[in-house]
């Protein structure tokens, strides 16, 4: 992915971008915009994957049924 800063109006890619607008595109699209002299592109670093399995239990452990407000104990 590349961050493109538009240097001229560009309207042939599904949206209208004006001079000074910034957007992120796949490399091939960004390269085409630069080749058309409509903008400059800057490579973006890949995001760092988060730790954990992605399951809800990794974030919020299950509540202890002995201390829930529903049973009246605390």
Protein backbone atom coordinates (compact mmCIF):
# COMPACT_ATOMS: atom_id res chain seq x y z
CA UNK A 1 0.00 0.00 0.00
CA UNK A 2 1.13 3.52 -0.76
CA UNK A 3 0.03 6.94 0.46
CA UNK A 4 -0.64 9.27 -2.48
CA UNK A 5 -0.60 13.05 -2.23
CA UNK A 6 -2.41 14.49 -5.24
CA UNK A 7 -0.66 17.30 -7.11
CA UNK A 8 -3.51 17.86 -9.59
CA UNK A 9 -7.23 17.05 -9.89
CA UNK A 10 -7.78 13.34 -10.53
CA UNK A 11 -11.24 11.96 -11.28
CA UNK A 12 -10.84 8.75 -13.29
CA UNK A 13 -10.43 6.29 -10.41
CA UNK A 14 -13.93 6.09 -8.96
CA UNK A 15 -13.71 9.25 -6.86
CA UNK A 16 -12.68 12.84 -7.35
CA UNK A 17 -9.46 13.94 -5.68
CA UNK A 18 -8.29 17.54 -5.67
CA UNK A 19 -4.80 19.00 -5.38
CA UNK A 20 -3.52 18.43 -1.83
CA UNK A 21 -5.81 15.47 -1.05
CA UNK A 22 -4.15 12.40 0.50
CA UNK A 23 -5.38 8.81 0.09
CA UNK A 24 -4.05 5.24 0.40
CA UNK A 25 -4.05 2.89 -2.60
CA UNK A 26 -2.62 -0.50 -3.57
CA UNK A 27 0.85 -0.18 -5.12
CA UNK A 28 -0.32 -0.64 -8.73
CA UNK A 29 -2.97 2.08 -8.45
CA UNK A 30 -0.56 4.48 -6.74
CA UNK A 31 2.04 3.83 -9.44
CA UNK A 32 -0.54 4.60 -12.16
CA UNK A 33 -1.45 7.90 -10.47
CA UNK A 34 2.22 8.87 -10.30
CA UNK A 35 2.76 7.83 -13.95
CA UNK A 36 -0.13 10.10 -14.96
CA UNK A 37 1.65 12.95 -13.12
CA UNK A 38 -1.36 13.48 -10.85
CA UNK A 39 0.39 12.83 -7.57
CA UNK A 40 3.33 11.56 -5.57
CA UNK A 41 3.41 8.26 -3.70
CA UNK A 42 5.08 7.20 -0.47
CA UNK A 43 5.37 3.58 0.65
CA UNK A 44 3.63 2.71 3.90
CA UNK A 45 4.95 0.30 6.48
CA UNK A 46 2.96 -2.88 7.09
CA UNK A 47 0.89 -2.84 10.29
CA UNK A 48 2.26 -4.89 13.18
CA UNK A 49 -0.02 -7.84 13.99
CA UNK A 50 -1.51 -7.84 17.48
CA UNK A 51 -0.71 -10.56 19.99
CA UNK A 52 -3.33 -13.12 21.01
CA UNK A 53 -5.65 -15.44 19.18
CA UNK A 54 -8.27 -12.82 18.45
CA UNK A 55 -10.86 -14.54 20.62
CA UNK A 56 -13.03 -12.44 22.91
CA UNK A 57 -11.78 -14.39 25.93
CA UNK A 58 -8.26 -13.02 25.33
CA UNK A 59 -9.59 -9.50 25.94
CA UNK A 60 -12.37 -9.98 28.49
CA UNK A 61 -12.04 -12.99 30.79
CA UNK A 62 -15.33 -14.63 31.77
CA UNK A 63 -17.02 -13.16 34.83
CA UNK A 64 -16.88 -15.17 38.06
CA UNK A 65 -20.47 -16.37 38.64
CA UNK A 66 -19.91 -16.16 42.43
CA UNK A 67 -19.51 -12.37 42.30
CA UNK A 68 -22.07 -11.27 39.71
CA UNK A 69 -24.87 -8.85 40.68
CA UNK A 70 -27.51 -11.34 39.44
CA UNK A 71 -26.99 -13.74 42.37
CA UNK A 72 -26.87 -10.99 45.02
CA UNK A 73 -23.33 -11.76 46.21
CA UNK A 74 -20.34 -9.50 45.88
